[in-house]
Amino acid sequence: MPNLADLRRDFASHELLESMIAVDPFEQFKLWFDDALASDVIDANAMTVATVGDDGKPSVRVVLLKGYDESGFVFFTNYGSKKGTDLIQNPNTVFHFFWPQLDRQIGIYGSVEKTSREESDEYFHSRPVDSQIGAWASAQSSVIGSREELEGRFAEYKEKFGDDVPLPEHWGGFRLTPIRFEFWQGRQNRLHDRICYTLVDGDWKISRLSP
């Protein structure tokens, strides 16, 4: 086995100083997200979503950010999935981005609510038709007997709907309304930059955290 204690690298590509950051965390997110896109980061919109189930145990998984603006950050899923049921029961969550090519991480903390049916429908029908059918075929997170069973369900719904696939009642978006952002920039000697934006009485307070 490799000696994991010896796996390390130094970070020296960027810095994050108070003199260079945006006053608004949404603007700062856009600056970094645009950098990730311009740097050809693979799946730059991939983020980890953390939830806590009714048993008090945490779960994490990677999903794709599908939209953001001053109202929040949006992804879409099956509401009956593990993450969906967790978020409906306990809407507090964190979205976490990691872009190793840029030595950057962003954590966005807050609570979610469902997007409107109109917004969910608009995004659903922007997807490829086969992906729309997949949302019907998969009872996400439930136990399934075999791959063949899943493919059989897909074939049944494909025959049923053709190219005119309705939005399932169990499928839609969640929008995270942030109350806290943390921007992490890797630096030399593990003296990383950590800049935190916290919403206090409607205003964003900026602070630096020890690495």
N, C-alpha and C. Protein backbone atom coordinates (compact mmCIF):
# COMPACT_ATOMS: atom_id res chain seq x y z
N MET A 1 0.83 -1.20 0.00
CA MET A 1 0.00 0.00 0.00
C MET A 1 0.87 1.25 0.00
N PRO A 2 0.41 2.32 -0.68
CA PRO A 2 1.18 3.56 -0.63
C PRO A 2 1.13 4.16 0.77
N ASN A 3 2.17 4.90 1.10
CA ASN A 3 2.20 5.59 2.38
C ASN A 3 1.41 6.89 2.24
N LEU A 4 0.17 6.87 2.71
CA LEU A 4 -0.69 8.03 2.53
C LEU A 4 -0.18 9.27 3.24
N ALA A 5 0.60 9.07 4.30
CA ALA A 5 1.16 10.22 5.01
C ALA A 5 2.12 11.02 4.14
N ASP A 6 2.66 10.37 3.09
CA ASP A 6 3.60 11.06 2.21
C ASP A 6 2.93 11.71 1.01
N LEU A 7 1.62 11.55 0.88
CA LEU A 7 0.91 12.16 -0.24
C LEU A 7 0.59 13.61 0.12
N ARG A 8 1.29 14.52 -0.50
CA ARG A 8 1.08 15.94 -0.22
C ARG A 8 1.60 16.76 -1.39
N ARG A 9 1.08 17.96 -1.50
CA ARG A 9 1.59 18.93 -2.46
C ARG A 9 1.41 20.32 -1.87
N ASP A 10 2.18 21.26 -2.37
CA ASP A 10 2.05 22.62 -1.88
C ASP A 10 1.15 23.41 -2.81
N PHE A 11 0.59 24.48 -2.32
CA PHE A 11 -0.31 25.32 -3.10
C PHE A 11 0.32 26.69 -3.26
N ALA A 12 0.44 27.15 -4.49
CA ALA A 12 1.10 28.44 -4.70
C ALA A 12 0.58 29.18 -5.91
N SER A 13 -0.64 28.85 -6.38
CA SER A 13 -1.09 29.41 -7.64
C SER A 13 -1.81 30.76 -7.49
N HIS A 14 -2.52 30.96 -6.37
CA HIS A 14 -3.32 32.18 -6.22
C HIS A 14 -3.28 32.65 -4.77
N GLU A 15 -3.89 33.81 -4.53
CA GLU A 15 -4.08 34.31 -3.18
C GLU A 15 -5.46 34.92 -3.09
N LEU A 16 -5.95 35.06 -1.87
CA LEU A 16 -7.27 35.66 -1.65
C LEU A 16 -7.14 36.63 -0.49
N LEU A 17 -7.00 37.90 -0.82
CA LEU A 17 -6.81 38.95 0.17
C LEU A 17 -8.06 39.82 0.26
N GLU A 18 -8.26 40.41 1.43
CA GLU A 18 -9.43 41.27 1.63
C GLU A 18 -9.47 42.42 0.62
N SER A 19 -8.31 42.87 0.19
CA SER A 19 -8.24 44.00 -0.74
C SER A 19 -8.70 43.64 -2.15
N MET A 20 -8.86 42.33 -2.44
CA MET A 20 -9.16 41.91 -3.80
C MET A 20 -10.52 41.23 -3.92
N ILE A 21 -11.26 41.09 -2.83
CA ILE A 21 -12.52 40.37 -2.89
C ILE A 21 -13.70 41.31 -3.15
N ALA A 22 -14.77 40.73 -3.67
CA ALA A 22 -16.00 41.50 -3.88
C ALA A 22 -16.72 41.69 -2.56
N VAL A 23 -17.46 42.76 -2.45
CA VAL A 23 -18.25 43.02 -1.24
C VAL A 23 -19.41 42.05 -1.15
N ASP A 24 -19.93 41.64 -2.29
CA ASP A 24 -21.09 40.75 -2.37
C ASP A 24 -20.61 39.32 -2.62
N PRO A 25 -21.00 38.35 -1.79
CA PRO A 25 -20.52 36.98 -1.99
C PRO A 25 -21.02 36.34 -3.28
N PHE A 26 -22.19 36.76 -3.78
CA PHE A 26 -22.68 36.24 -5.05
C PHE A 26 -21.76 36.68 -6.19
N GLU A 27 -21.28 37.91 -6.10
CA GLU A 27 -20.34 38.40 -7.11
C GLU A 27 -19.02 37.66 -7.01
N GLN A 28 -18.55 37.41 -5.77
CA GLN A 28 -17.31 36.66 -5.59
C GLN A 28 -17.45 35.24 -6.13
N PHE A 29 -18.61 34.62 -5.88
CA PHE A 29 -18.85 33.28 -6.43
C PHE A 29 -18.77 33.31 -7.96
N LYS A 30 -19.40 34.30 -8.58
CA LYS A 30 -19.38 34.38 -10.04
C LYS A 30 -17.96 34.54 -10.56
N LEU A 31 -17.16 35.35 -9.90
CA LEU A 31 -15.76 35.52 -10.32
C LEU A 31 -15.03 34.19 -10.32
N TRP A 32 -15.18 33.43 -9.24
CA TRP A 32 -14.49 32.15 -9.15
C TRP A 32 -15.09 31.11 -10.07
N PHE A 33 -16.40 31.10 -10.20
CA PHE A 33 -17.04 30.13 -11.08
C PHE A 33 -16.64 30.39 -12.53
N ASP A 34 -16.59 31.65 -12.93
CA ASP A 34 -16.14 31.99 -14.28
C ASP A 34 -14.69 31.57 -14.49
N ASP A 35 -13.85 31.73 -13.46
CA ASP A 35 -12.46 31.27 -13.55
C ASP A 35 -12.40 29.77 -13.78
N ALA A 36 -13.25 29.02 -13.06
CA ALA A 36 -13.27 27.56 -13.20
C ALA A 36 -13.68 27.17 -14.62
N LEU A 37 -14.69 27.85 -15.16
CA LEU A 37 -15.12 27.56 -16.53
C LEU A 37 -14.02 27.90 -17.53
N ALA A 38 -13.37 29.04 -17.34
CA ALA A 38 -12.31 29.48 -18.26
C ALA A 38 -11.08 28.58 -18.16
N SER A 39 -10.91 27.92 -17.02
CA SER A 39 -9.74 27.04 -16.82
C SER A 39 -10.02 25.62 -17.25
N ASP A 40 -11.18 25.39 -17.87
CA ASP A 40 -11.56 24.06 -18.35
C ASP A 40 -11.60 23.02 -17.23
N VAL A 41 -12.02 23.45 -16.05
CA VAL A 41 -12.23 22.50 -14.96
C VAL A 41 -13.35 21.54 -15.37
N ILE A 42 -13.09 20.25 -15.27
CA ILE A 42 -14.11 19.26 -15.64
C ILE A 42 -15.27 19.34 -14.65
N ASP A 43 -16.48 19.41 -15.19
CA ASP A 43 -17.68 19.50 -14.35
C ASP A 43 -17.54 20.59 -13.29
N ALA A 44 -17.27 21.80 -13.75
CA ALA A 44 -17.08 22.92 -12.83
C ALA A 44 -18.31 23.16 -11.97
N ASN A 45 -19.48 22.74 -12.45
CA ASN A 45 -20.72 22.94 -11.68
C ASN A 45 -21.05 21.76 -10.77
N ALA A 46 -20.13 20.81 -10.64
CA ALA A 46 -20.34 19.69 -9.71
C ALA A 46 -20.13 20.16 -8.27
N MET A 47 -21.05 19.77 -7.41
CA MET A 47 -20.95 20.19 -6.00
C MET A 47 -21.44 19.06 -5.11
N THR A 48 -20.87 19.00 -3.92
CA THR A 48 -21.31 18.04 -2.91
C THR A 48 -22.45 18.66 -2.12
N VAL A 49 -23.51 17.89 -1.93
CA VAL A 49 -24.66 18.32 -1.13
C VAL A 49 -24.75 17.44 0.10
N ALA A 50 -24.78 18.06 1.27
CA ALA A 50 -24.85 17.33 2.54
C ALA A 50 -26.27 17.40 3.09
N THR A 51 -26.75 16.27 3.61
CA THR A 51 -28.07 16.23 4.25
C THR A 51 -27.97 15.40 5.53
N VAL A 52 -28.99 15.53 6.37
CA VAL A 52 -29.10 14.72 7.58
C VAL A 52 -30.46 14.04 7.57
N GLY A 53 -30.46 12.71 7.74
CA GLY A 53 -31.70 11.96 7.71
C GLY A 53 -32.45 12.01 9.02
N ASP A 54 -33.62 11.36 9.05
CA ASP A 54 -34.43 11.36 10.27
C ASP A 54 -33.78 10.55 11.39
N ASP A 55 -32.73 9.77 11.03
CA ASP A 55 -31.98 9.04 12.05
C ASP A 55 -30.82 9.86 12.60
N GLY A 56 -30.68 11.11 12.15
CA GLY A 56 -29.62 11.98 12.63
C GLY A 56 -28.27 11.73 11.97
N LYS A 57 -28.23 10.84 10.97
CA LYS A 57 -26.96 10.51 10.33
C LYS A 57 -26.80 11.28 9.03
N PRO A 58 -25.58 11.79 8.77
CA PRO A 58 -25.36 12.60 7.58
C PRO A 58 -25.16 11.75 6.33
N SER A 59 -25.44 12.35 5.19
CA SER A 59 -25.16 11.77 3.88
C SER A 59 -24.62 12.87 2.98
N VAL A 60 -23.74 12.48 2.05
CA VAL A 60 -23.26 13.43 1.05
C VAL A 60 -23.30 12.76 -0.31
N ARG A 61 -23.44 13.58 -1.36
CA ARG A 61 -23.39 13.10 -2.72
C ARG A 61 -23.07 14.28 -3.63
N VAL A 62 -22.63 13.97 -4.85
CA VAL A 62 -22.29 15.01 -5.81
C VAL A 62 -23.44 15.18 -6.79
N VAL A 63 -23.87 16.43 -6.98
CA VAL A 63 -24.90 16.77 -7.96
C VAL A 63 -24.38 17.93 -8.80
N LEU A 64 -25.18 18.38 -9.76
CA LEU A 64 -24.77 19.47 -10.64
C LEU A 64 -25.60 20.72 -10.38
N LEU A 65 -24.92 21.83 -10.14
CA LEU A 65 -25.59 23.12 -10.03
C LEU A 65 -26.18 23.47 -11.39
N LYS A 66 -27.46 23.85 -11.41
CA LYS A 66 -28.13 24.14 -12.68
C LYS A 66 -28.57 25.59 -12.81
N GLY A 67 -28.31 26.40 -11.82
CA GLY A 67 -28.62 27.81 -11.92
C GLY A 67 -28.31 28.53 -10.63
N TYR A 68 -27.99 29.81 -10.74
CA TYR A 68 -27.80 30.62 -9.55
C TYR A 68 -27.99 32.09 -9.90
N ASP A 69 -28.48 32.82 -8.92
CA ASP A 69 -28.60 34.28 -8.99
C ASP A 69 -28.73 34.78 -7.57
N GLU A 70 -29.12 36.02 -7.40
CA GLU A 70 -29.20 36.60 -6.06
C GLU A 70 -30.26 35.91 -5.18
N SER A 71 -31.16 35.13 -5.80
CA SER A 71 -32.18 34.43 -5.01
C SER A 71 -31.68 33.08 -4.49
N GLY A 72 -30.55 32.56 -5.01
CA GLY A 72 -30.03 31.32 -4.50
C GLY A 72 -29.44 30.42 -5.56
N PHE A 73 -29.17 29.17 -5.16
CA PHE A 73 -28.47 28.18 -5.98
C PHE A 73 -29.37 26.96 -6.16
N VAL A 74 -29.50 26.49 -7.40
CA VAL A 74 -30.53 25.51 -7.73
C VAL A 74 -29.93 24.22 -8.29
N PHE A 75 -30.46 23.08 -7.83
CA PHE A 75 -30.24 21.81 -8.50
C PHE A 75 -31.57 21.07 -8.56
N PHE A 76 -31.63 20.02 -9.40
CA PHE A 76 -32.87 19.28 -9.61
C PHE A 76 -32.65 17.81 -9.28
N THR A 77 -33.72 17.16 -8.80
CA THR A 77 -33.60 15.77 -8.37
C THR A 77 -34.98 15.13 -8.25
N ASN A 78 -34.98 13.86 -7.91
CA ASN A 78 -36.20 13.14 -7.55
C ASN A 78 -36.51 13.46 -6.09
N TYR A 79 -37.69 14.01 -5.83
CA TYR A 79 -38.04 14.39 -4.46
C TYR A 79 -38.16 13.18 -3.54
N GLY A 80 -38.36 11.99 -4.12
CA GLY A 80 -38.45 10.79 -3.31
C GLY A 80 -37.12 10.11 -3.04
N SER A 81 -36.03 10.68 -3.56
CA SER A 81 -34.70 10.13 -3.33
C SER A 81 -34.27 10.36 -1.89
N LYS A 82 -33.14 9.78 -1.50
CA LYS A 82 -32.61 9.98 -0.15
C LYS A 82 -32.37 11.47 0.12
N LYS A 83 -31.71 12.14 -0.83
CA LYS A 83 -31.44 13.57 -0.60
C LYS A 83 -32.72 14.37 -0.61
N GLY A 84 -33.67 13.99 -1.48
CA GLY A 84 -34.93 14.71 -1.54
C GLY A 84 -35.72 14.61 -0.24
N THR A 85 -35.88 13.39 0.27
CA THR A 85 -36.64 13.22 1.51
C THR A 85 -35.91 13.83 2.69
N ASP A 86 -34.58 13.75 2.70
CA ASP A 86 -33.81 14.40 3.77
C ASP A 86 -34.05 15.90 3.78
N LEU A 87 -33.99 16.53 2.60
CA LEU A 87 -34.11 17.98 2.51
C LEU A 87 -35.52 18.46 2.80
N ILE A 88 -36.51 17.65 2.46
CA ILE A 88 -37.89 18.02 2.78
C ILE A 88 -38.10 17.99 4.29
N GLN A 89 -37.48 17.01 4.95
CA GLN A 89 -37.61 16.90 6.41
C GLN A 89 -36.75 17.92 7.14
N ASN A 90 -35.51 18.11 6.64
CA ASN A 90 -34.58 19.04 7.28
C ASN A 90 -33.92 19.86 6.17
N PRO A 91 -34.40 21.06 5.89
CA PRO A 91 -33.92 21.83 4.75
C PRO A 91 -32.54 22.46 4.93
N ASN A 92 -31.95 22.34 6.10
CA ASN A 92 -30.61 22.91 6.32
C ASN A 92 -29.57 22.07 5.61
N THR A 93 -28.68 22.73 4.87
CA THR A 93 -27.71 21.99 4.06
C THR A 93 -26.51 22.87 3.75
N VAL A 94 -25.54 22.27 3.07
CA VAL A 94 -24.39 23.00 2.54
C VAL A 94 -24.09 22.47 1.15
N PHE A 95 -23.81 23.38 0.23
CA PHE A 95 -23.31 23.03 -1.10
C PHE A 95 -21.81 23.30 -1.11
N HIS A 96 -21.03 22.33 -1.56
CA HIS A 96 -19.57 22.47 -1.50
C HIS A 96 -18.95 22.22 -2.87
N PHE A 97 -18.16 23.18 -3.34
CA PHE A 97 -17.44 23.06 -4.61
C PHE A 97 -15.95 22.86 -4.33
N PHE A 98 -15.31 22.00 -5.14
CA PHE A 98 -13.87 21.77 -5.02
C PHE A 98 -13.28 21.79 -6.42
N TRP A 99 -12.38 22.75 -6.65
CA TRP A 99 -11.71 22.88 -7.93
C TRP A 99 -10.21 22.74 -7.72
N PRO A 100 -9.71 21.50 -7.71
CA PRO A 100 -8.29 21.27 -7.40
C PRO A 100 -7.33 21.94 -8.37
N GLN A 101 -7.75 22.12 -9.63
CA GLN A 101 -6.86 22.77 -10.58
C GLN A 101 -6.55 24.20 -10.20
N LEU A 102 -7.44 24.81 -9.43
CA LEU A 102 -7.27 26.19 -8.99
C LEU A 102 -6.95 26.30 -7.50
N ASP A 103 -6.83 25.16 -6.84
CA ASP A 103 -6.60 25.13 -5.38
C ASP A 103 -7.68 25.91 -4.64
N ARG A 104 -8.94 25.69 -5.04
CA ARG A 104 -10.04 26.47 -4.47
C ARG A 104 -11.19 25.57 -4.01
N GLN A 105 -11.83 26.01 -2.94
CA GLN A 105 -13.07 25.41 -2.47
C GLN A 105 -14.04 26.53 -2.10
N ILE A 106 -15.33 26.24 -2.25
CA ILE A 106 -16.36 27.17 -1.79
C ILE A 106 -17.41 26.35 -1.04
N GLY A 107 -17.77 26.80 0.16
CA GLY A 107 -18.88 26.23 0.90
C GLY A 107 -20.00 27.26 0.98
N ILE A 108 -21.23 26.83 0.66
CA ILE A 108 -22.39 27.73 0.71
C ILE A 108 -23.40 27.10 1.65
N TYR A 109 -23.72 27.78 2.74
CA TYR A 109 -24.55 27.24 3.81
C TYR A 109 -25.89 27.96 3.83
N GLY A 110 -26.94 27.21 4.12
CA GLY A 110 -28.26 27.81 4.21
C GLY A 110 -29.34 26.76 4.26
N SER A 111 -30.52 27.10 3.79
CA SER A 111 -31.64 26.17 3.77
C SER A 111 -32.28 26.19 2.39
N VAL A 112 -32.95 25.10 2.05
CA VAL A 112 -33.54 24.98 0.72
C VAL A 112 -35.06 25.00 0.79
N GLU A 113 -35.64 25.32 -0.35
CA GLU A 113 -37.06 25.14 -0.57
C GLU A 113 -37.24 24.68 -2.01
N LYS A 114 -38.36 24.05 -2.30
CA LYS A 114 -38.61 23.57 -3.65
C LYS A 114 -38.77 24.75 -4.61
N THR A 115 -38.29 24.56 -5.83
CA THR A 115 -38.56 25.53 -6.88
C THR A 115 -40.03 25.40 -7.30
N SER A 116 -40.53 26.40 -8.01
CA SER A 116 -41.91 26.33 -8.50
C SER A 116 -42.04 25.23 -9.54
N ARG A 117 -43.27 24.75 -9.74
CA ARG A 117 -43.50 23.74 -10.76
C ARG A 117 -43.15 24.30 -12.14
N GLU A 118 -43.39 25.57 -12.35
CA GLU A 118 -43.08 26.18 -13.65
C GLU A 118 -41.58 26.15 -13.90
N GLU A 119 -40.78 26.47 -12.89
CA GLU A 119 -39.33 26.46 -13.05
C GLU A 119 -38.82 25.04 -13.25
N SER A 120 -39.38 24.10 -12.48
CA SER A 120 -38.97 22.70 -12.64
C SER A 120 -39.34 22.18 -14.02
N ASP A 121 -40.54 22.55 -14.50
CA ASP A 121 -41.00 22.09 -15.81
C ASP A 121 -40.12 22.66 -16.92
N GLU A 122 -39.75 23.92 -16.80
CA GLU A 122 -38.90 24.53 -17.82
C GLU A 122 -37.56 23.82 -17.91
N TYR A 123 -36.94 23.54 -16.75
CA TYR A 123 -35.66 22.85 -16.81
C TYR A 123 -35.83 21.41 -17.28
N PHE A 124 -36.86 20.72 -16.77
CA PHE A 124 -37.09 19.32 -17.15
C PHE A 124 -37.16 19.17 -18.66
N HIS A 125 -37.88 20.05 -19.31
CA HIS A 125 -38.06 19.92 -20.75
C HIS A 125 -36.92 20.53 -21.56
N SER A 126 -35.90 21.06 -20.88
CA SER A 126 -34.67 21.45 -21.56
C SER A 126 -33.69 20.28 -21.66
N ARG A 127 -33.99 19.20 -20.92
CA ARG A 127 -33.11 18.04 -20.91
C ARG A 127 -33.38 17.16 -22.14
N PRO A 128 -32.40 16.31 -22.52
CA PRO A 128 -32.66 15.34 -23.59
C PRO A 128 -33.85 14.46 -23.23
N VAL A 129 -34.61 14.03 -24.23
CA VAL A 129 -35.82 13.26 -23.99
C VAL A 129 -35.52 11.99 -23.20
N ASP A 130 -34.42 11.32 -23.52
CA ASP A 130 -34.10 10.08 -22.80
C ASP A 130 -33.81 10.35 -21.32
N SER A 131 -33.25 11.52 -21.01
CA SER A 131 -33.04 11.87 -19.61
C SER A 131 -34.38 12.14 -18.92
N GLN A 132 -35.33 12.72 -19.65
CA GLN A 132 -36.67 12.92 -19.10
C GLN A 132 -37.32 11.57 -18.78
N ILE A 133 -37.18 10.62 -19.69
CA ILE A 133 -37.75 9.30 -19.47
C ILE A 133 -37.07 8.61 -18.29
N GLY A 134 -35.76 8.83 -18.15
CA GLY A 134 -35.02 8.25 -17.03
C GLY A 134 -35.56 8.70 -15.68
N ALA A 135 -36.07 9.93 -15.62
CA ALA A 135 -36.64 10.44 -14.37
C ALA A 135 -37.90 9.67 -13.99
N TRP A 136 -38.62 9.16 -14.96
CA TRP A 136 -39.79 8.32 -14.70
C TRP A 136 -39.38 6.89 -14.36
N ALA A 137 -38.36 6.39 -15.05
CA ALA A 137 -37.97 4.98 -14.91
C ALA A 137 -37.32 4.67 -13.58
N SER A 138 -36.63 5.65 -13.00
CA SER A 138 -35.86 5.40 -11.78
C SER A 138 -36.58 5.90 -10.54
N ALA A 139 -36.92 4.97 -9.65
CA ALA A 139 -37.39 5.34 -8.31
C ALA A 139 -36.15 5.55 -7.46
N GLN A 140 -35.55 6.68 -7.62
CA GLN A 140 -34.19 6.95 -7.12
C GLN A 140 -34.03 6.60 -5.65
N SER A 141 -32.94 5.92 -5.35
CA SER A 141 -32.52 5.50 -4.00
C SER A 141 -33.24 4.24 -3.51
N SER A 142 -34.25 3.74 -4.23
CA SER A 142 -34.94 2.52 -3.81
C SER A 142 -34.18 1.29 -4.29
N VAL A 143 -34.34 0.18 -3.61
CA VAL A 143 -33.69 -1.07 -3.99
C VAL A 143 -34.32 -1.59 -5.28
N ILE A 144 -33.47 -2.05 -6.20
CA ILE A 144 -33.94 -2.59 -7.46
C ILE A 144 -33.32 -3.96 -7.69
N GLY A 145 -34.08 -4.83 -8.32
CA GLY A 145 -33.63 -6.22 -8.44
C GLY A 145 -32.47 -6.44 -9.39
N SER A 146 -32.42 -5.67 -10.49
CA SER A 146 -31.38 -5.91 -11.49
C SER A 146 -31.31 -4.73 -12.44
N ARG A 147 -30.22 -4.69 -13.21
CA ARG A 147 -30.07 -3.69 -14.26
C ARG A 147 -31.17 -3.88 -15.30
N GLU A 148 -31.49 -5.14 -15.59
CA GLU A 148 -32.51 -5.44 -16.60
C GLU A 148 -33.87 -4.86 -16.20
N GLU A 149 -34.18 -4.91 -14.91
CA GLU A 149 -35.43 -4.34 -14.44
C GLU A 149 -35.48 -2.84 -14.71
N LEU A 150 -34.39 -2.15 -14.44
CA LEU A 150 -34.32 -0.71 -14.68
C LEU A 150 -34.48 -0.41 -16.17
N GLU A 151 -33.77 -1.15 -17.01
CA GLU A 151 -33.85 -0.91 -18.44
C GLU A 151 -35.23 -1.25 -18.99
N GLY A 152 -35.87 -2.26 -18.38
CA GLY A 152 -37.23 -2.60 -18.77
C GLY A 152 -38.21 -1.48 -18.47
N ARG A 153 -38.06 -0.85 -17.30
CA ARG A 153 -38.92 0.28 -16.94
C ARG A 153 -38.68 1.45 -17.89
N PHE A 154 -37.42 1.66 -18.26
CA PHE A 154 -37.11 2.73 -19.20
C PHE A 154 -37.81 2.48 -20.54
N ALA A 155 -37.75 1.25 -21.02
CA ALA A 155 -38.38 0.91 -22.30
C ALA A 155 -39.90 1.10 -22.23
N GLU A 156 -40.50 0.74 -21.09
CA GLU A 156 -41.95 0.90 -20.93
C GLU A 156 -42.37 2.37 -21.00
N TYR A 157 -41.62 3.23 -20.29
CA TYR A 157 -41.97 4.64 -20.31
C TYR A 157 -41.66 5.29 -21.66
N LYS A 158 -40.63 4.81 -22.32
CA LYS A 158 -40.30 5.34 -23.64
C LYS A 158 -41.42 5.03 -24.63
N GLU A 159 -41.96 3.83 -24.53
CA GLU A 159 -43.08 3.47 -25.39
C GLU A 159 -44.33 4.24 -25.01
N LYS A 160 -44.53 4.47 -23.73
CA LYS A 160 -45.72 5.17 -23.25
C LYS A 160 -45.74 6.64 -23.66
N PHE A 161 -44.60 7.32 -23.50
CA PHE A 161 -44.57 8.77 -23.69
C PHE A 161 -44.05 9.19 -25.07
N GLY A 162 -43.20 8.40 -25.68
CA GLY A 162 -42.56 8.85 -26.91
C GLY A 162 -41.71 10.07 -26.66
N ASP A 163 -41.92 11.13 -27.44
CA ASP A 163 -41.14 12.35 -27.27
C ASP A 163 -41.89 13.42 -26.47
N ASP A 164 -43.08 13.08 -25.97
CA ASP A 164 -43.90 14.03 -25.23
C ASP A 164 -43.97 13.58 -23.77
N VAL A 165 -42.91 13.88 -23.02
CA VAL A 165 -42.76 13.37 -21.66
C VAL A 165 -43.22 14.43 -20.66
N PRO A 166 -44.20 14.13 -19.82
CA PRO A 166 -44.65 15.11 -18.83
C PRO A 166 -43.70 15.17 -17.63
N LEU A 167 -43.72 16.29 -16.94
CA LEU A 167 -42.94 16.43 -15.72
C LEU A 167 -43.53 15.53 -14.63
N PRO A 168 -42.73 14.63 -14.04
CA PRO A 168 -43.27 13.79 -12.95
C PRO A 168 -43.60 14.63 -11.72
N GLU A 169 -44.61 14.24 -10.99
CA GLU A 169 -44.96 14.92 -9.75
C GLU A 169 -43.84 14.81 -8.72
N HIS A 170 -43.05 13.74 -8.82
CA HIS A 170 -42.01 13.48 -7.82
C HIS A 170 -40.67 14.12 -8.17
N TRP A 171 -40.62 14.98 -9.17
CA TRP A 171 -39.34 15.49 -9.67
C TRP A 171 -39.37 17.01 -9.73
N GLY A 172 -38.26 17.63 -9.32
CA GLY A 172 -38.19 19.08 -9.38
C GLY A 172 -36.92 19.61 -8.76
N GLY A 173 -36.90 20.90 -8.51
CA GLY A 173 -35.70 21.54 -8.03
C GLY A 173 -35.74 21.94 -6.57
N PHE A 174 -34.54 22.16 -6.02
CA PHE A 174 -34.36 22.77 -4.71
C PHE A 174 -33.52 24.03 -4.90
N ARG A 175 -33.90 25.09 -4.20
CA ARG A 175 -33.12 26.33 -4.23
C ARG A 175 -32.56 26.59 -2.83
N LEU A 176 -31.24 26.73 -2.74
CA LEU A 176 -30.59 27.07 -1.48
C LEU A 176 -30.51 28.58 -1.33
N THR A 177 -31.06 29.09 -0.24
CA THR A 177 -30.92 30.50 0.11
C THR A 177 -29.78 30.61 1.11
N PRO A 178 -28.66 31.23 0.71
CA PRO A 178 -27.47 31.24 1.57
C PRO A 178 -27.58 32.17 2.77
N ILE A 179 -26.95 31.75 3.87
CA ILE A 179 -26.73 32.63 5.01
C ILE A 179 -25.23 32.75 5.31
N ARG A 180 -24.44 31.92 4.61
CA ARG A 180 -23.00 31.95 4.85
C ARG A 180 -22.27 31.38 3.64
N PHE A 181 -21.17 32.03 3.26
CA PHE A 181 -20.27 31.54 2.23
C PHE A 181 -18.87 31.43 2.84
N GLU A 182 -18.14 30.41 2.45
CA GLU A 182 -16.71 30.38 2.77
C GLU A 182 -15.92 30.10 1.50
N PHE A 183 -14.96 30.99 1.21
CA PHE A 183 -14.08 30.85 0.06
C PHE A 183 -12.69 30.45 0.56
N TRP A 184 -12.20 29.32 0.08
CA TRP A 184 -10.92 28.75 0.51
C TRP A 184 -9.95 28.77 -0.65
N GLN A 185 -8.81 29.40 -0.43
CA GLN A 185 -7.75 29.43 -1.44
C GLN A 185 -6.49 28.79 -0.87
N GLY A 186 -6.02 27.72 -1.50
CA GLY A 186 -4.81 27.07 -1.03
C GLY A 186 -3.59 27.97 -1.15
N ARG A 187 -2.74 27.97 -0.10
CA ARG A 187 -1.53 28.79 -0.10
C ARG A 187 -0.35 27.95 0.39
N GLN A 188 0.84 28.48 0.23
CA GLN A 188 2.05 27.77 0.65
C GLN A 188 2.06 27.54 2.16
N ASN A 189 2.76 26.48 2.55
CA ASN A 189 2.99 26.15 3.96
C ASN A 189 1.70 25.93 4.74
N ARG A 190 0.64 25.58 4.02
CA ARG A 190 -0.66 25.33 4.64
C ARG A 190 -1.25 26.57 5.32
N LEU A 191 -0.74 27.75 4.93
CA LEU A 191 -1.30 29.00 5.45
C LEU A 191 -2.36 29.49 4.47
N HIS A 192 -3.41 28.71 4.35
CA HIS A 192 -4.44 28.96 3.36
C HIS A 192 -5.24 30.22 3.68
N ASP A 193 -5.82 30.82 2.63
CA ASP A 193 -6.75 31.94 2.81
C ASP A 193 -8.16 31.39 2.94
N ARG A 194 -8.85 31.81 4.00
CA ARG A 194 -10.25 31.43 4.21
C ARG A 194 -11.04 32.71 4.51
N ILE A 195 -11.85 33.11 3.55
CA ILE A 195 -12.67 34.31 3.69
C ILE A 195 -14.13 33.90 3.83
N CYS A 196 -14.77 34.40 4.86
CA CYS A 196 -16.13 34.01 5.19
C CYS A 196 -17.06 35.22 5.08
N TYR A 197 -18.18 35.02 4.42
CA TYR A 197 -19.26 36.01 4.36
C TYR A 197 -20.43 35.47 5.20
N THR A 198 -20.89 36.22 6.17
CA THR A 198 -22.00 35.80 7.03
C THR A 198 -23.10 36.84 6.96
N LEU A 199 -24.33 36.39 6.75
CA LEU A 199 -25.46 37.30 6.66
C LEU A 199 -25.89 37.70 8.07
N VAL A 200 -25.79 39.00 8.37
CA VAL A 200 -26.16 39.53 9.70
C VAL A 200 -27.10 40.71 9.50
N ASP A 201 -28.35 40.54 9.93
CA ASP A 201 -29.35 41.61 9.82
C ASP A 201 -29.45 42.16 8.40
N GLY A 202 -29.41 41.25 7.43
CA GLY A 202 -29.59 41.65 6.05
C GLY A 202 -28.35 42.12 5.33
N ASP A 203 -27.23 42.21 6.04
CA ASP A 203 -25.97 42.64 5.43
C ASP A 203 -24.94 41.52 5.52
N TRP A 204 -24.00 41.51 4.57
CA TRP A 204 -22.95 40.49 4.57
C TRP A 204 -21.73 40.99 5.32
N LYS A 205 -21.38 40.29 6.39
CA LYS A 205 -20.20 40.60 7.18
C LYS A 205 -19.05 39.71 6.70
N ILE A 206 -17.91 40.33 6.43
CA ILE A 206 -16.74 39.59 5.92
C ILE A 206 -15.73 39.39 7.04
N SER A 207 -15.22 38.17 7.15
CA SER A 207 -14.20 37.87 8.15
C SER A 207 -13.20 36.87 7.57
N ARG A 208 -12.03 36.84 8.16
CA ARG A 208 -11.00 35.87 7.78
C ARG A 208 -10.91 34.81 8.84
N LEU A 209 -10.82 33.56 8.42
CA LEU A 209 -10.67 32.43 9.35
C LEU A 209 -9.26 31.89 9.31
N SER A 210 -8.78 31.42 10.43
CA SER A 210 -7.47 30.76 10.46
C SER A 210 -7.52 29.50 9.60
N PRO A 211 -6.43 29.19 8.90
CA PRO A 211 -6.43 27.98 8.05
C PRO A 211 -6.40 26.70 8.88
